[in-house]
Full PDB file with SEQRES, HELIX, SHEET, SSBOND, CRYST1, ORIGX, SCALE, CONECT and MASTER records, all heavy atoms in Angstrom:
SEQRES   1 A   39  LEU LYS SER ILE ARG ASP SER VAL THR ILE PRO LEU VAL          
SEQRES   2 A   39  ILE MET GLY TYR PHE ASN PRO ILE LEU GLN TYR GLY VAL          
SEQRES   3 A   39  GLU ALA PHE CYS LYS SER CYS GLN GLU VAL GLY ILE ASP          
HELIX    1 AA1 ILE A    4  ASP A    6  5                                   3    
HELIX    2 AA2 PHE A   18  TYR A   24  1                                   7    
HELIX    3 AA3 VAL A   26  VAL A   36  1                                  11    
CRYST1    1.000    1.000    1.000  90.00  90.00  90.00 P 1           1          
ORIGX1      1.000000  0.000000  0.000000        0.00000                         
ORIGX2      0.000000  1.000000  0.000000        0.00000                         
ORIGX3      0.000000  0.000000  1.000000        0.00000                         
SCALE1      1.000000  0.000000  0.000000        0.00000                         
SCALE2      0.000000  1.000000  0.000000        0.00000                         
SCALE3      0.000000  0.000000  1.000000        0.00000                         
ATOM      1  N   LEU A   1    -103.360 -54.010  38.118  1.00  0.00           N  
ATOM      2  CA  LEU A   1    -103.297 -55.085  37.172  1.00  0.00           C  
ATOM      3  C   LEU A   1    -102.998 -56.513  37.831  1.00  0.00           C  
ATOM      4  O   LEU A   1    -102.987 -57.490  37.149  1.00  0.00           O  
ATOM      5  CB  LEU A   1    -102.146 -54.932  36.263  1.00  0.00           C  
ATOM      6  CG  LEU A   1    -102.083 -53.565  35.289  1.00  0.00           C  
ATOM      7  CD1 LEU A   1    -100.910 -53.606  34.430  1.00  0.00           C  
ATOM      8  CD2 LEU A   1    -103.348 -53.819  34.388  1.00  0.00           C  
ATOM      9  N   LYS A   2    -103.048 -56.548  39.200  1.00  0.00           N  
ATOM     10  CA  LYS A   2    -102.718 -57.826  39.835  1.00  0.00           C  
ATOM     11  C   LYS A   2    -103.616 -58.985  39.449  1.00  0.00           C  
ATOM     12  O   LYS A   2    -103.184 -60.076  39.591  1.00  0.00           O  
ATOM     13  CB  LYS A   2    -102.647 -57.543  41.402  1.00  0.00           C  
ATOM     14  CG  LYS A   2    -103.868 -57.257  42.062  1.00  0.00           C  
ATOM     15  CD  LYS A   2    -103.632 -57.007  43.486  1.00  0.00           C  
ATOM     16  CE  LYS A   2    -105.026 -56.700  44.201  1.00  0.00           C  
ATOM     17  NZ  LYS A   2    -104.919 -55.540  45.208  1.00  0.00           N  
ATOM     18  N   SER A   3    -104.889 -58.670  39.015  1.00  0.00           N  
ATOM     19  CA  SER A   3    -105.816 -59.780  38.720  1.00  0.00           C  
ATOM     20  C   SER A   3    -106.245 -59.716  37.281  1.00  0.00           C  
ATOM     21  O   SER A   3    -107.297 -60.309  36.858  1.00  0.00           O  
ATOM     22  CB  SER A   3    -107.078 -59.746  39.655  1.00  0.00           C  
ATOM     23  OG  SER A   3    -106.705 -59.753  41.018  1.00  0.00           O  
ATOM     24  N   ILE A   4    -105.484 -58.958  36.408  1.00  0.00           N  
ATOM     25  CA  ILE A   4    -106.039 -58.702  35.019  1.00  0.00           C  
ATOM     26  C   ILE A   4    -105.972 -60.076  34.275  1.00  0.00           C  
ATOM     27  O   ILE A   4    -106.803 -60.193  33.370  1.00  0.00           O  
ATOM     28  CB  ILE A   4    -105.033 -57.698  34.309  1.00  0.00           C  
ATOM     29  CG1 ILE A   4    -105.668 -57.142  33.090  1.00  0.00           C  
ATOM     30  CG2 ILE A   4    -103.596 -58.230  34.046  1.00  0.00           C  
ATOM     31  CD1 ILE A   4    -106.880 -56.237  33.232  1.00  0.00           C  
ATOM     32  N   ARG A   5    -105.155 -60.980  34.588  1.00  0.00           N  
ATOM     33  CA  ARG A   5    -105.070 -62.132  33.804  1.00  0.00           C  
ATOM     34  C   ARG A   5    -106.227 -63.087  34.193  1.00  0.00           C  
ATOM     35  O   ARG A   5    -106.384 -64.168  33.467  1.00  0.00           O  
ATOM     36  CB  ARG A   5    -103.647 -62.903  33.992  1.00  0.00           C  
ATOM     37  CG  ARG A   5    -102.599 -62.213  33.216  1.00  0.00           C  
ATOM     38  CD  ARG A   5    -102.909 -62.129  31.812  1.00  0.00           C  
ATOM     39  NE  ARG A   5    -101.944 -61.390  30.968  1.00  0.00           N  
ATOM     40  CZ  ARG A   5    -102.084 -61.020  29.695  1.00  0.00           C  
ATOM     41  NH1 ARG A   5    -103.280 -61.293  29.067  1.00  0.00           N  
ATOM     42  NH2 ARG A   5    -101.326 -60.314  29.072  1.00  0.00           N  
ATOM     43  N   ASP A   6    -107.027 -62.752  35.123  1.00  0.00           N  
ATOM     44  CA  ASP A   6    -108.356 -63.519  35.409  1.00  0.00           C  
ATOM     45  C   ASP A   6    -109.288 -63.287  34.296  1.00  0.00           C  
ATOM     46  O   ASP A   6    -110.299 -63.977  34.140  1.00  0.00           O  
ATOM     47  CB  ASP A   6    -108.931 -63.316  36.814  1.00  0.00           C  
ATOM     48  CG  ASP A   6    -108.030 -63.548  37.921  1.00  0.00           C  
ATOM     49  OD1 ASP A   6    -107.075 -64.382  37.787  1.00  0.00           O  
ATOM     50  OD2 ASP A   6    -108.210 -62.977  39.033  1.00  0.00           O  
ATOM     51  N   SER A   7    -109.249 -62.041  33.641  1.00  0.00           N  
ATOM     52  CA  SER A   7    -110.232 -61.719  32.642  1.00  0.00           C  
ATOM     53  C   SER A   7    -109.751 -61.320  31.200  1.00  0.00           C  
ATOM     54  O   SER A   7    -110.474 -61.223  30.334  1.00  0.00           O  
ATOM     55  CB  SER A   7    -111.048 -60.542  33.111  1.00  0.00           C  
ATOM     56  OG  SER A   7    -110.141 -59.484  33.413  1.00  0.00           O  
ATOM     57  N   VAL A   8    -108.481 -61.332  31.018  1.00  0.00           N  
ATOM     58  CA  VAL A   8    -107.781 -60.824  29.920  1.00  0.00           C  
ATOM     59  C   VAL A   8    -106.762 -61.820  29.348  1.00  0.00           C  
ATOM     60  O   VAL A   8    -105.917 -62.100  30.140  1.00  0.00           O  
ATOM     61  CB  VAL A   8    -107.252 -59.413  29.957  1.00  0.00           C  
ATOM     62  CG1 VAL A   8    -106.395 -59.048  28.836  1.00  0.00           C  
ATOM     63  CG2 VAL A   8    -108.357 -58.307  30.274  1.00  0.00           C  
ATOM     64  N   THR A   9    -106.851 -62.138  28.069  1.00  0.00           N  
ATOM     65  CA  THR A   9    -105.903 -63.095  27.511  1.00  0.00           C  
ATOM     66  C   THR A   9    -105.001 -62.558  26.425  1.00  0.00           C  
ATOM     67  O   THR A   9    -103.945 -63.125  26.220  1.00  0.00           O  
ATOM     68  CB  THR A   9    -106.720 -64.306  26.948  1.00  0.00           C  
ATOM     69  OG1 THR A   9    -107.395 -63.848  25.763  1.00  0.00           O  
ATOM     70  CG2 THR A   9    -107.434 -65.007  27.845  1.00  0.00           C  
ATOM     71  N   ILE A  10    -105.217 -61.429  25.857  1.00  0.00           N  
ATOM     72  CA  ILE A  10    -104.472 -60.955  24.793  1.00  0.00           C  
ATOM     73  C   ILE A  10    -103.146 -60.362  25.454  1.00  0.00           C  
ATOM     74  O   ILE A  10    -103.065 -60.099  26.602  1.00  0.00           O  
ATOM     75  CB  ILE A  10    -105.112 -59.811  23.976  1.00  0.00           C  
ATOM     76  CG1 ILE A  10    -105.559 -58.658  24.855  1.00  0.00           C  
ATOM     77  CG2 ILE A  10    -106.341 -60.403  23.273  1.00  0.00           C  
ATOM     78  CD1 ILE A  10    -106.143 -57.573  24.073  1.00  0.00           C  
ATOM     79  N   PRO A  11    -102.028 -60.128  24.541  1.00  0.00           N  
ATOM     80  CA  PRO A  11    -100.760 -59.591  24.851  1.00  0.00           C  
ATOM     81  C   PRO A  11    -101.033 -58.155  25.538  1.00  0.00           C  
ATOM     82  O   PRO A  11    -101.712 -57.297  24.939  1.00  0.00           O  
ATOM     83  CB  PRO A  11     -99.906 -59.519  23.714  1.00  0.00           C  
ATOM     84  CG  PRO A  11    -100.598 -60.528  22.743  1.00  0.00           C  
ATOM     85  CD  PRO A  11    -101.968 -60.496  23.173  1.00  0.00           C  
ATOM     86  N   LEU A  12    -100.298 -57.940  26.615  1.00  0.00           N  
ATOM     87  CA  LEU A  12    -100.267 -56.657  27.325  1.00  0.00           C  
ATOM     88  C   LEU A  12     -98.846 -56.147  27.437  1.00  0.00           C  
ATOM     89  O   LEU A  12     -97.911 -56.892  27.886  1.00  0.00           O  
ATOM     90  CB  LEU A  12    -100.839 -56.660  28.634  1.00  0.00           C  
ATOM     91  CG  LEU A  12    -102.290 -57.091  28.801  1.00  0.00           C  
ATOM     92  CD1 LEU A  12    -102.802 -57.215  30.359  1.00  0.00           C  
ATOM     93  CD2 LEU A  12    -103.173 -56.199  28.005  1.00  0.00           C  
ATOM     94  N   VAL A  13     -98.513 -54.850  26.919  1.00  0.00           N  
ATOM     95  CA  VAL A  13     -97.109 -54.373  26.815  1.00  0.00           C  
ATOM     96  C   VAL A  13     -97.267 -53.039  27.547  1.00  0.00           C  
ATOM     97  O   VAL A  13     -98.229 -52.239  27.482  1.00  0.00           O  
ATOM     98  CB  VAL A  13     -96.790 -54.075  25.279  1.00  0.00           C  
ATOM     99  CG1 VAL A  13     -95.457 -53.375  25.322  1.00  0.00           C  
ATOM    100  CG2 VAL A  13     -96.819 -55.337  24.603  1.00  0.00           C  
ATOM    101  N   ILE A  14     -96.262 -52.753  28.390  1.00  0.00           N  
ATOM    102  CA  ILE A  14     -96.056 -51.432  29.021  1.00  0.00           C  
ATOM    103  C   ILE A  14     -95.144 -50.660  28.158  1.00  0.00           C  
ATOM    104  O   ILE A  14     -94.042 -51.073  27.847  1.00  0.00           O  
ATOM    105  CB  ILE A  14     -95.596 -51.536  30.493  1.00  0.00           C  
ATOM    106  CG1 ILE A  14     -96.608 -52.138  31.359  1.00  0.00           C  
ATOM    107  CG2 ILE A  14     -95.223 -50.247  30.988  1.00  0.00           C  
ATOM    108  CD1 ILE A  14     -96.325 -52.304  32.877  1.00  0.00           C  
ATOM    109  N   MET A  15     -95.673 -49.534  27.751  1.00  0.00           N  
ATOM    110  CA  MET A  15     -94.866 -48.521  27.141  1.00  0.00           C  
ATOM    111  C   MET A  15     -94.555 -47.283  28.051  1.00  0.00           C  
ATOM    112  O   MET A  15     -95.401 -46.696  28.559  1.00  0.00           O  
ATOM    113  CB  MET A  15     -95.497 -47.949  25.809  1.00  0.00           C  
ATOM    114  CG  MET A  15     -94.637 -47.088  24.971  1.00  0.00           C  
ATOM    115  SD  MET A  15     -95.350 -46.791  23.391  1.00  0.00           S  
ATOM    116  CE  MET A  15     -94.013 -45.881  22.605  1.00  0.00           C  
ATOM    117  N   GLY A  16     -93.185 -47.071  28.198  1.00  0.00           N  
ATOM    118  CA  GLY A  16     -92.849 -46.038  29.118  1.00  0.00           C  
ATOM    119  C   GLY A  16     -91.403 -45.636  28.891  1.00  0.00           C  
ATOM    120  O   GLY A  16     -90.611 -46.266  28.072  1.00  0.00           O  
ATOM    121  N   TYR A  17     -90.935 -44.628  29.629  1.00  0.00           N  
ATOM    122  CA  TYR A  17     -89.524 -44.039  29.573  1.00  0.00           C  
ATOM    123  C   TYR A  17     -88.772 -44.721  30.600  1.00  0.00           C  
ATOM    124  O   TYR A  17     -89.392 -45.245  31.554  1.00  0.00           O  
ATOM    125  CB  TYR A  17     -89.669 -42.553  29.493  1.00  0.00           C  
ATOM    126  CG  TYR A  17     -90.345 -41.924  28.314  1.00  0.00           C  
ATOM    127  CD1 TYR A  17     -91.685 -41.856  28.162  1.00  0.00           C  
ATOM    128  CD2 TYR A  17     -89.594 -41.673  27.179  1.00  0.00           C  
ATOM    129  CE1 TYR A  17     -92.297 -41.454  27.062  1.00  0.00           C  
ATOM    130  CE2 TYR A  17     -90.263 -41.181  26.114  1.00  0.00           C  
ATOM    131  CZ  TYR A  17     -91.472 -41.038  25.941  1.00  0.00           C  
ATOM    132  OH  TYR A  17     -92.184 -40.572  24.854  1.00  0.00           O  
ATOM    133  N   PHE A  18     -87.554 -44.668  30.389  1.00  0.00           N  
ATOM    134  CA  PHE A  18     -86.574 -45.485  31.298  1.00  0.00           C  
ATOM    135  C   PHE A  18     -86.521 -44.911  32.751  1.00  0.00           C  
ATOM    136  O   PHE A  18     -86.292 -45.628  33.584  1.00  0.00           O  
ATOM    137  CB  PHE A  18     -85.283 -45.582  30.543  1.00  0.00           C  
ATOM    138  CG  PHE A  18     -84.395 -46.661  31.142  1.00  0.00           C  
ATOM    139  CD1 PHE A  18     -84.888 -47.885  31.308  1.00  0.00           C  
ATOM    140  CD2 PHE A  18     -83.056 -46.421  31.618  1.00  0.00           C  
ATOM    141  CE1 PHE A  18     -84.075 -48.900  31.930  1.00  0.00           C  
ATOM    142  CE2 PHE A  18     -82.208 -47.466  32.126  1.00  0.00           C  
ATOM    143  CZ  PHE A  18     -82.790 -48.742  32.241  1.00  0.00           C  
ATOM    144  N   ASN A  19     -86.586 -43.515  32.838  1.00  0.00           N  
ATOM    145  CA  ASN A  19     -86.367 -42.910  34.202  1.00  0.00           C  
ATOM    146  C   ASN A  19     -87.315 -43.635  35.219  1.00  0.00           C  
ATOM    147  O   ASN A  19     -86.816 -43.979  36.293  1.00  0.00           O  
ATOM    148  CB  ASN A  19     -86.566 -41.461  33.928  1.00  0.00           C  
ATOM    149  CG  ASN A  19     -86.041 -40.690  35.246  1.00  0.00           C  
ATOM    150  OD1 ASN A  19     -86.830 -40.750  36.204  1.00  0.00           O  
ATOM    151  ND2 ASN A  19     -84.854 -40.236  35.292  1.00  0.00           N  
ATOM    152  N   PRO A  20     -88.687 -43.662  35.087  1.00  0.00           N  
ATOM    153  CA  PRO A  20     -89.371 -44.352  36.082  1.00  0.00           C  
ATOM    154  C   PRO A  20     -89.077 -45.788  36.376  1.00  0.00           C  
ATOM    155  O   PRO A  20     -89.163 -46.141  37.586  1.00  0.00           O  
ATOM    156  CB  PRO A  20     -90.856 -44.136  35.623  1.00  0.00           C  
ATOM    157  CG  PRO A  20     -90.836 -43.127  34.566  1.00  0.00           C  
ATOM    158  CD  PRO A  20     -89.407 -43.246  33.879  1.00  0.00           C  
ATOM    159  N   ILE A  21     -88.615 -46.536  35.363  1.00  0.00           N  
ATOM    160  CA  ILE A  21     -88.201 -47.798  35.488  1.00  0.00           C  
ATOM    161  C   ILE A  21     -87.017 -48.013  36.356  1.00  0.00           C  
ATOM    162  O   ILE A  21     -86.849 -48.883  37.216  1.00  0.00           O  
ATOM    163  CB  ILE A  21     -88.143 -48.590  34.228  1.00  0.00           C  
ATOM    164  CG1 ILE A  21     -89.403 -48.588  33.422  1.00  0.00           C  
ATOM    165  CG2 ILE A  21     -87.666 -49.983  34.244  1.00  0.00           C  
ATOM    166  CD1 ILE A  21     -89.339 -49.083  31.871  1.00  0.00           C  
ATOM    167  N   LEU A  22     -86.023 -47.047  36.029  1.00  0.00           N  
ATOM    168  CA  LEU A  22     -84.762 -47.008  36.829  1.00  0.00           C  
ATOM    169  C   LEU A  22     -85.039 -46.713  38.188  1.00  0.00           C  
ATOM    170  O   LEU A  22     -84.453 -47.265  39.115  1.00  0.00           O  
ATOM    171  CB  LEU A  22     -83.822 -46.032  36.098  1.00  0.00           C  
ATOM    172  CG  LEU A  22     -82.305 -46.085  36.332  1.00  0.00           C  
ATOM    173  CD1 LEU A  22     -81.789 -47.503  35.863  1.00  0.00           C  
ATOM    174  CD2 LEU A  22     -81.665 -45.104  35.468  1.00  0.00           C  
ATOM    175  N   GLN A  23     -85.968 -45.778  38.439  1.00  0.00           N  
ATOM    176  CA  GLN A  23     -86.212 -45.407  39.876  1.00  0.00           C  
ATOM    177  C   GLN A  23     -86.915 -46.530  40.571  1.00  0.00           C  
ATOM    178  O   GLN A  23     -86.684 -46.680  41.816  1.00  0.00           O  
ATOM    179  CB  GLN A  23     -87.272 -44.161  39.781  1.00  0.00           C  
ATOM    180  CG  GLN A  23     -86.444 -42.835  39.407  1.00  0.00           C  
ATOM    181  CD  GLN A  23     -87.493 -41.661  39.559  1.00  0.00           C  
ATOM    182  OE1 GLN A  23     -88.678 -41.841  39.479  1.00  0.00           O  
ATOM    183  NE2 GLN A  23     -86.805 -40.421  39.673  1.00  0.00           N  
ATOM    184  N   TYR A  24     -87.798 -47.223  39.946  1.00  0.00           N  
ATOM    185  CA  TYR A  24     -88.446 -48.343  40.492  1.00  0.00           C  
ATOM    186  C   TYR A  24     -87.329 -49.495  40.837  1.00  0.00           C  
ATOM    187  O   TYR A  24     -87.582 -50.272  41.829  1.00  0.00           O  
ATOM    188  CB  TYR A  24     -89.576 -48.887  39.488  1.00  0.00           C  
ATOM    189  CG  TYR A  24     -90.562 -49.809  40.097  1.00  0.00           C  
ATOM    190  CD1 TYR A  24     -91.777 -49.331  40.653  1.00  0.00           C  
ATOM    191  CD2 TYR A  24     -90.334 -51.164  40.221  1.00  0.00           C  
ATOM    192  CE1 TYR A  24     -92.643 -50.312  41.103  1.00  0.00           C  
ATOM    193  CE2 TYR A  24     -91.227 -52.125  40.704  1.00  0.00           C  
ATOM    194  CZ  TYR A  24     -92.367 -51.668  41.128  1.00  0.00           C  
ATOM    195  OH  TYR A  24     -93.337 -52.462  41.587  1.00  0.00           O  
ATOM    196  N   GLY A  25     -86.425 -49.618  40.014  1.00  0.00           N  
ATOM    197  CA  GLY A  25     -85.430 -50.670  39.986  1.00  0.00           C  
ATOM    198  C   GLY A  25     -85.696 -51.674  38.774  1.00  0.00           C  
ATOM    199  O   GLY A  25     -86.877 -52.123  38.745  1.00  0.00           O  
ATOM    200  N   VAL A  26     -84.752 -51.735  37.882  1.00  0.00           N  
ATOM    201  CA  VAL A  26     -85.078 -52.456  36.689  1.00  0.00           C  
ATOM    202  C   VAL A  26     -85.525 -53.815  36.973  1.00  0.00           C  
ATOM    203  O   VAL A  26     -86.499 -54.364  36.422  1.00  0.00           O  
ATOM    204  CB  VAL A  26     -83.756 -52.435  35.745  1.00  0.00           C  
ATOM    205  CG1 VAL A  26     -84.075 -53.273  34.419  1.00  0.00           C  
ATOM    206  CG2 VAL A  26     -83.491 -50.978  35.316  1.00  0.00           C  
ATOM    207  N   GLU A  27     -84.796 -54.704  37.802  1.00  0.00           N  
ATOM    208  CA  GLU A  27     -85.197 -56.004  38.068  1.00  0.00           C  
ATOM    209  C   GLU A  27     -86.479 -56.045  38.809  1.00  0.00           C  
ATOM    210  O   GLU A  27     -87.349 -56.851  38.544  1.00  0.00           O  
ATOM    211  CB  GLU A  27     -84.088 -56.693  38.904  1.00  0.00           C  
ATOM    212  CG  GLU A  27     -84.440 -58.081  39.171  1.00  0.00           C  
ATOM    213  CD  GLU A  27     -83.297 -59.093  39.279  1.00  0.00           C  
ATOM    214  OE1 GLU A  27     -82.115 -58.652  39.096  1.00  0.00           O  
ATOM    215  OE2 GLU A  27     -83.419 -60.280  39.277  1.00  0.00           O  
ATOM    216  N   ALA A  28     -86.747 -55.110  39.766  1.00  0.00           N  
ATOM    217  CA  ALA A  28     -87.998 -55.074  40.480  1.00  0.00           C  
ATOM    218  C   ALA A  28     -89.123 -54.854  39.558  1.00  0.00           C  
ATOM    219  O   ALA A  28     -90.128 -55.463  39.678  1.00  0.00           O  
ATOM    220  CB  ALA A  28     -87.939 -54.035  41.585  1.00  0.00           C  
ATOM    221  N   PHE A  29     -88.910 -53.934  38.667  1.00  0.00           N  
ATOM    222  CA  PHE A  29     -89.980 -53.625  37.615  1.00  0.00           C  
ATOM    223  C   PHE A  29     -90.255 -54.786  36.766  1.00  0.00           C  
ATOM    224  O   PHE A  29     -91.352 -55.183  36.585  1.00  0.00           O  
ATOM    225  CB  PHE A  29     -89.488 -52.370  36.783  1.00  0.00           C  
ATOM    226  CG  PHE A  29     -90.586 -51.907  35.945  1.00  0.00           C  
ATOM    227  CD1 PHE A  29     -91.360 -50.808  36.399  1.00  0.00           C  
ATOM    228  CD2 PHE A  29     -90.816 -52.253  34.578  1.00  0.00           C  
ATOM    229  CE1 PHE A  29     -92.389 -50.211  35.622  1.00  0.00           C  
ATOM    230  CE2 PHE A  29     -91.815 -51.766  33.869  1.00  0.00           C  
ATOM    231  CZ  PHE A  29     -92.568 -50.746  34.404  1.00  0.00           C  
ATOM    232  N   CYS A  30     -89.306 -55.420  36.268  1.00  0.00           N  
ATOM    233  CA  CYS A  30     -89.390 -56.659  35.450  1.00  0.00           C  
ATOM    234  C   CYS A  30     -90.156 -57.786  36.256  1.00  0.00           C  
ATOM    235  O   CYS A  30     -91.056 -58.432  35.739  1.00  0.00           O  
ATOM    236  CB  CYS A  30     -88.048 -57.269  34.937  1.00  0.00           C  
ATOM    237  SG  CYS A  30     -87.364 -56.014  33.769  1.00  0.00           S  
ATOM    238  N   LYS A  31     -89.851 -57.945  37.350  1.00  0.00           N  
ATOM    239  CA  LYS A  31     -90.499 -58.887  38.381  1.00  0.00           C  
ATOM    240  C   LYS A  31     -91.957 -58.548  38.595  1.00  0.00           C  
ATOM    241  O   LYS A  31     -92.787 -59.490  38.522  1.00  0.00           O  
ATOM    242  CB  LYS A  31     -89.757 -58.989  39.775  1.00  0.00           C  
ATOM    243  CG  LYS A  31     -90.094 -60.107  40.748  1.00  0.00           C  
ATOM    244  CD  LYS A  31     -89.325 -60.146  41.813  1.00  0.00           C  
ATOM    245  CE  LYS A  31     -89.551 -61.385  42.757  1.00  0.00           C  
ATOM    246  NZ  LYS A  31     -90.866 -61.138  43.472  1.00  0.00           N  
ATOM    247  N   SER A  32     -92.250 -57.336  38.778  1.00  0.00           N  
ATOM    248  CA  SER A  32     -93.603 -56.977  38.887  1.00  0.00           C  
ATOM    249  C   SER A  32     -94.430 -57.178  37.655  1.00  0.00           C  
ATOM    250  O   SER A  32     -95.422 -57.621  37.615  1.00  0.00           O  
ATOM    251  CB  SER A  32     -93.778 -55.463  39.371  1.00  0.00           C  
ATOM    252  OG  SER A  32     -93.243 -55.319  40.633  1.00  0.00           O  
ATOM    253  N   CYS A  33     -93.818 -56.914  36.580  1.00  0.00           N  
ATOM    254  CA  CYS A  33     -94.393 -57.201  35.277  1.00  0.00           C  
ATOM    255  C   CYS A  33     -94.727 -58.701  35.059  1.00  0.00           C  
ATOM    256  O   CYS A  33     -95.871 -58.966  34.643  1.00  0.00           O  
ATOM    257  CB  CYS A  33     -93.428 -56.869  34.084  1.00  0.00           C  
ATOM    258  SG  CYS A  33     -93.372 -55.064  33.671  1.00  0.00           S  
ATOM    259  N   GLN A  34     -93.853 -59.588  35.380  1.00  0.00           N  
ATOM    260  CA  GLN A  34     -94.097 -61.033  35.405  1.00  0.00           C  
ATOM    261  C   GLN A  34     -95.214 -61.347  36.273  1.00  0.00           C  
ATOM    262  O   GLN A  34     -96.102 -62.131  35.882  1.00  0.00           O  
ATOM    263  CB  GLN A  34     -92.767 -61.763  35.675  1.00  0.00           C  
ATOM    264  CG  GLN A  34     -92.993 -63.251  35.582  1.00  0.00           C  
ATOM    265  CD  GLN A  34     -91.756 -63.973  36.136  1.00  0.00           C  
ATOM    266  OE1 GLN A  34     -91.476 -63.785  37.250  1.00  0.00           O  
ATOM    267  NE2 GLN A  34     -91.228 -64.850  35.410  1.00  0.00           N  
ATOM    268  N   GLU A  35     -95.273 -60.781  37.475  1.00  0.00           N  
ATOM    269  CA  GLU A  35     -96.241 -61.109  38.424  1.00  0.00           C  
ATOM    270  C   GLU A  35     -97.648 -60.809  38.055  1.00  0.00           C  
ATOM    271  O   GLU A  35     -98.672 -61.526  38.330  1.00  0.00           O  
ATOM    272  CB  GLU A  35     -95.930 -60.576  39.831  1.00  0.00           C  
ATOM    273  CG  GLU A  35     -94.759 -61.088  40.580  1.00  0.00           C  
ATOM    274  CD  GLU A  35     -94.268 -60.302  41.723  1.00  0.00           C  
ATOM    275  OE1 GLU A  35     -94.667 -59.204  41.941  1.00  0.00           O  
ATOM    276  OE2 GLU A  35     -93.312 -60.911  42.440  1.00  0.00           O  
ATOM    277  N   VAL A  36     -97.843 -59.768  37.228  1.00  0.00           N  
ATOM    278  CA  VAL A  36     -99.193 -59.387  36.795  1.00  0.00           C  
ATOM    279  C   VAL A  36     -99.533 -59.836  35.429  1.00  0.00           C  
ATOM    280  O   VAL A  36    -100.728 -59.734  35.036  1.00  0.00           O  
ATOM    281  CB  VAL A  36     -99.399 -57.866  36.961  1.00  0.00           C  
ATOM    282  CG1 VAL A  36     -99.206 -57.363  38.359  1.00  0.00           C  
ATOM    283  CG2 VAL A  36     -98.548 -57.037  35.948  1.00  0.00           C  
ATOM    284  N   GLY A  37     -98.532 -60.335  34.667  1.00  0.00           N  
ATOM    285  CA  GLY A  37     -98.869 -60.916  33.364  1.00  0.00           C  
ATOM    286  C   GLY A  37     -98.470 -59.989  32.190  1.00  0.00           C  
ATOM    287  O   GLY A  37     -99.209 -60.180  31.133  1.00  0.00           O  
ATOM    288  N   ILE A  38     -97.636 -59.056  32.438  1.00  0.00           N  
ATOM    289  CA  ILE A  38     -97.137 -58.172  31.281  1.00  0.00           C  
ATOM    290  C   ILE A  38     -96.194 -59.096  30.335  1.00  0.00           C  
ATOM    291  O   ILE A  38     -95.375 -59.866  30.858  1.00  0.00           O  
ATOM    292  CB  ILE A  38     -96.450 -57.068  31.780  1.00  0.00           C  
ATOM    293  CG1 ILE A  38     -97.380 -56.084  32.594  1.00  0.00           C  
ATOM    294  CG2 ILE A  38     -95.759 -56.198  30.630  1.00  0.00           C  
ATOM    295  CD1 ILE A  38     -98.562 -55.508  31.711  1.00  0.00           C  
ATOM    296  N   ASP A  39     -96.429 -58.911  29.109  1.00  0.00           N  
ATOM    297  CA  ASP A  39     -95.673 -59.786  28.071  1.00  0.00           C  
ATOM    298  C   ASP A  39     -94.335 -58.982  27.478  1.00  0.00           C  
ATOM    299  O   ASP A  39     -93.479 -59.641  27.066  1.00  0.00           O  
ATOM    300  CB  ASP A  39     -96.585 -60.062  26.946  1.00  0.00           C  
ATOM    301  CG  ASP A  39     -97.807 -60.732  27.480  1.00  0.00           C  
ATOM    302  OD1 ASP A  39     -97.579 -61.990  28.084  1.00  0.00           O  
ATOM    303  OD2 ASP A  39     -98.896 -60.275  27.359  1.00  0.00           O  
TER     304      ASP A  39                                                      
MASTER        0    0    0    3    0    0    0    6  303    1    0    3          
END                                                                             
């Protein structure tokens, strides 16, 4: 998704369960979301 905002303008939402987000690190996950343009 790193270049998705070059071609897509509509809202993008990630739907998932908390365990993978916790494993990734909640703040790190949120930061990655912001970097690729997740809303």
